[in-house]
C-alpha atoms as a PDB file:
ATOM      1  CA  ASP A   1      -0.197  -0.019  -0.039  1.00  0.00           C
ATOM      2  CA  GLN A   2       0.816   3.677  -0.658  1.00  0.00           C
ATOM      3  CA  ALA A   3       1.436   6.326   2.230  1.00  0.00           C
ATOM      4  CA  LEU A   4      -0.618   8.636   0.114  1.00  0.00           C
ATOM      5  CA  LYS A   5      -2.692   8.259  -2.800  1.00  0.00           C
ATOM      6  CA  PHE A   6      -4.106  11.192  -4.722  1.00  0.00           C
ATOM      7  CA  GLU A   7      -6.578  10.940  -7.667  1.00  0.00           C
ATOM      8  CA  ILE A   8      -7.855  13.811  -9.303  1.00  0.00           C
ATOM      9  CA  PHE A   9     -10.579  13.494 -12.320  1.00  0.00           C
ATOM     10  CA  LYS A  10     -11.978  16.539 -14.157  1.00  0.00           C
ATOM     11  CA  TYR A  11     -14.945  16.347 -16.584  1.00  0.00           C
ATOM     12  CA  GLY A  12     -13.535  17.199 -20.097  1.00  0.00           C
ATOM     13  CA  LYS A  13     -16.390  19.151 -21.563  1.00  0.00           C
ATOM     14  CA  PRO A  14     -17.932  22.101 -19.718  1.00  0.00           C
ATOM     15  CA  ASP A  15     -21.320  21.895 -17.903  1.00  0.00           C
ATOM     16  CA  PRO A  16     -23.039  25.312 -18.498  1.00  0.00           C
ATOM     17  CA  HIS A  17     -26.356  24.358 -16.951  1.00  0.00           C
ATOM     18  CA  LEU A  18     -24.656  22.384 -14.053  1.00  0.00           C
ATOM     19  CA  GLU A  19     -26.251  19.101 -15.007  1.00  0.00           C
ATOM     20  CA  ARG A  20     -23.363  17.208 -13.235  1.00  0.00           C
ATOM     21  CA  PRO A  21     -22.933  17.224  -9.253  1.00  0.00           C
ATOM     22  CA  TYR A  22     -19.188  18.378  -9.741  1.00  0.00           C
ATOM     23  CA  ASP A  23     -16.731  19.596 -12.447  1.00  0.00           C
ATOM     24  CA  ILE A  24     -13.679  18.046 -10.238  1.00  0.00           C
ATOM     25  CA  SER A  25     -12.962  15.140  -8.324  1.00  0.00           C
ATOM     26  CA  ALA A  26     -10.322  14.914  -5.856  1.00  0.00           C
ATOM     27  CA  LYS A  27      -9.808  11.497  -3.570  1.00  0.00           C
ATOM     28  CA  VAL A  28      -7.051  11.441  -0.901  1.00  0.00           C
ATOM     29  CA  ARG A  29      -6.365   8.117   0.915  1.00  0.00           C
ATOM     30  CA  MET A  30      -3.819   8.260   3.884  1.00  0.00           C
ATOM     31  CA  THR A  31      -2.152   6.028   5.861  1.00  0.00           C
ATOM     32  CA  SER A  32      -1.979   6.738   9.635  1.00  0.00           C
ATOM     33  CA  VAL A  33      -1.282  10.792   9.659  1.00  0.00           C
ATOM     34  CA  ARG A  34      -0.221  13.245  12.312  1.00  0.00           C
ATOM     35  CA  TYR A  35      -1.298  16.714  11.519  1.00  0.00           C
ATOM     36  CA  ILE A  36       0.314  19.600  13.364  1.00  0.00           C
ATOM     37  CA  HIS A  37      -1.472  22.704  13.145  1.00  0.00           C
ATOM     38  CA  THR A  38       0.448  25.595  12.202  1.00  0.00           C
ATOM     39  CA  ASN A  39      -0.871  29.270  11.196  1.00  0.00           C
ATOM     40  CA  ARG A  40       1.441  28.987   7.682  1.00  0.00           C
ATOM     41  CA  PHE A  41       0.258  25.473   6.645  1.00  0.00           C
ATOM     42  CA  LEU A  42      -3.194  26.427   7.234  1.00  0.00           C
ATOM     43  CA  LYS A  43      -2.543  29.576   4.806  1.00  0.00           C
ATOM     44  CA  GLU A  44      -0.842  27.721   2.325  1.00  0.00           C
ATOM     45  CA  ILE A  45      -3.116  24.946   2.059  1.00  0.00           C
ATOM     46  CA  LEU A  46      -6.250  27.691   1.919  1.00  0.00           C
ATOM     47  CA  SER A  47      -4.152  29.602  -1.168  1.00  0.00           C
ATOM     48  CA  PHE A  48      -3.544  26.128  -2.660  1.00  0.00           C
ATOM     49  CA  CYS A  49      -7.362  25.171  -2.500  1.00  0.00           C
ATOM     50  CA  SER A  50      -8.315  29.107  -3.898  1.00  0.00           C
ATOM     51  CA  HIS A  51      -5.665  28.718  -6.913  1.00  0.00           C
ATOM     52  CA  PHE A  52      -6.401  25.228  -7.790  1.00  0.00           C
ATOM     53  CA  PRO A  53      -9.026  26.339 -10.586  1.00  0.00           C
ATOM     54  CA  GLN A  54      -7.166  28.725 -11.757  1.00  0.00           C
ATOM     55  CA  LEU A  55      -4.254  26.671 -12.196  1.00  0.00           C
ATOM     56  CA  ILE A  56      -6.370  23.764 -13.683  1.00  0.00           C
ATOM     57  CA  ASP A  57      -7.594  26.423 -15.861  1.00  0.00           C
ATOM     58  CA  ALA A  58      -4.354  27.507 -17.082  1.00  0.00           C
ATOM     59  CA  PHE A  59      -2.914  23.696 -17.955  1.00  0.00           C
ATOM     60  CA  GLN A  60      -5.966  23.327 -19.804  1.00  0.00           C
ATOM     61  CA  ARG A  61      -5.949  26.486 -21.971  1.00  0.00           C
ATOM     62  CA  VAL A  62      -2.078  25.453 -22.754  1.00  0.00           C
ATOM     63  CA  LYS A  63      -3.006  21.850 -23.720  1.00  0.00           C
ATOM     64  CA  ALA A  64      -5.579  23.068 -26.055  1.00  0.00           C
ATOM     65  CA  LYS A  65      -3.384  25.619 -27.800  1.00  0.00           C
ATOM     66  CA  ASP A  66      -0.644  22.842 -28.078  1.00  0.00           C
ATOM     67  CA  LEU A  67      -3.417  20.782 -29.768  1.00  0.00           C
ATOM     68  CA  GLY A  68      -4.449  23.461 -32.195  1.00  0.00           C
ATOM     69  CA  ASN A  69      -7.748  24.202 -30.650  1.00  0.00           C
ATOM     70  CA  LEU A  70      -9.755  27.202 -29.847  1.00  0.00           C
ATOM     71  CA  VAL A  71      -9.004  28.790 -26.215  1.00  0.00           C
ATOM     72  CA  TYR A  72     -12.510  30.394 -24.820  1.00  0.00           C
ATOM     73  CA  LEU A  73     -11.043  33.670 -22.797  1.00  0.00           C
ATOM     74  CA  GLY A  74     -14.382  34.698 -21.923  1.00  0.00           C
ATOM     75  CA  PRO A  75     -15.748  35.015 -18.154  1.00  0.00           C
ATOM     76  CA  GLY A  76     -16.437  31.525 -16.662  1.00  0.00           C
ATOM     77  CA  ARG A  77     -17.440  30.202 -13.404  1.00  0.00           C
ATOM     78  CA  LYS A  78     -15.377  28.674 -10.538  1.00  0.00           C
ATOM     79  CA  ALA A  79     -15.129  24.951 -10.523  1.00  0.00           C
ATOM     80  CA  ARG A  80     -17.330  22.664  -8.274  1.00  0.00           C
ATOM     81  CA  ILE A  81     -15.135  20.617  -6.561  1.00  0.00           C
ATOM     82  CA  SER A  82     -15.890  17.267  -4.990  1.00  0.00           C
ATOM     83  CA  LEU A  83     -13.557  16.383  -2.027  1.00  0.00           C
ATOM     84  CA  ASP A  84     -13.156  12.798  -0.622  1.00  0.00           C
ATOM     85  CA  VAL A  85     -10.401  12.346   1.971  1.00  0.00           C
ATOM     86  CA  ASP A  86      -9.952   9.115   4.105  1.00  0.00           C
ATOM     87  CA  ALA A  87      -7.315   8.910   6.838  1.00  0.00           C
ATOM     88  CA  ASP A  88      -6.310   6.183   8.968  1.00  0.00           C
ATOM     89  CA  GLY A  89      -5.735   7.147  12.655  1.00  0.00           C
ATOM     90  CA  PRO A  90      -5.226  10.719  12.000  1.00  0.00           C
ATOM     91  CA  ILE A  91      -3.853  12.802  15.094  1.00  0.00           C
ATOM     92  CA  LEU A  92      -4.190  16.263  15.304  1.00  0.00           C
ATOM     93  CA  LEU A  93      -1.608  18.065  17.350  1.00  0.00           C
ATOM     94  CA  ILE A  94      -2.734  22.090  18.153  1.00  0.00           C
ATOM     95  CA  PRO A  95      -0.267  24.141  19.353  1.00  0.00           C
ATOM     96  CA  LYS A  96      -1.393  26.640  22.224  1.00  0.00           C
ATOM     97  CA  HIS A  97       0.547  29.726  20.305  1.00  0.00           C
ATOM     98  CA  ALA A  98       3.438  29.643  17.598  1.00  0.00           C
ATOM     99  CA  PHE A  99       5.924  29.575  20.698  1.00  0.00           C
ATOM    100  CA  SER A 100       4.211  27.326  23.166  1.00  0.00           C
ATOM    101  CA  GLU A 101       5.377  23.830  24.201  1.00  0.00           C
ATOM    102  CA  LYS A 102       2.295  23.083  25.176  1.00  0.00           C
ATOM    103  CA  LEU A 103      -0.268  21.666  22.989  1.00  0.00           C
ATOM    104  CA  MET A 104      -3.994  19.803  22.432  1.00  0.00           C
ATOM    105  CA  VAL A 105      -3.622  16.236  21.291  1.00  0.00           C
ATOM    106  CA  GLY A 106      -6.669  14.680  19.355  1.00  0.00           C
ATOM    107  CA  ASP A 107      -6.974  11.141  18.413  1.00  0.00           C
ATOM    108  CA  ILE A 108      -9.773  11.392  15.879  1.00  0.00           C
ATOM    109  CA  GLY A 109      -9.265   7.884  14.366  1.00  0.00           C
END
């Protein structure tokens, strides 16, 4: 088995009438994990999530251009993402503050 398995699926064609339940599906499978909460880590995760649809869009535009297809540059809506995370025995470690040796431990497995 793998310690981390990450799968992404994106529908190829647009769904302007919102007939599908999502545009992108992301599945994350992890073995036993320890998460140490830091403000910087949280900011990086939120930044990645907010920029992920833009990165996918940029990748698709480059791919379409390389294939000789027309690239639509008009306004669009943001992607709807289905996120499925399965972590086996996760443990959360949350410090009292950035410089504290005291922390709260949560075994949520």
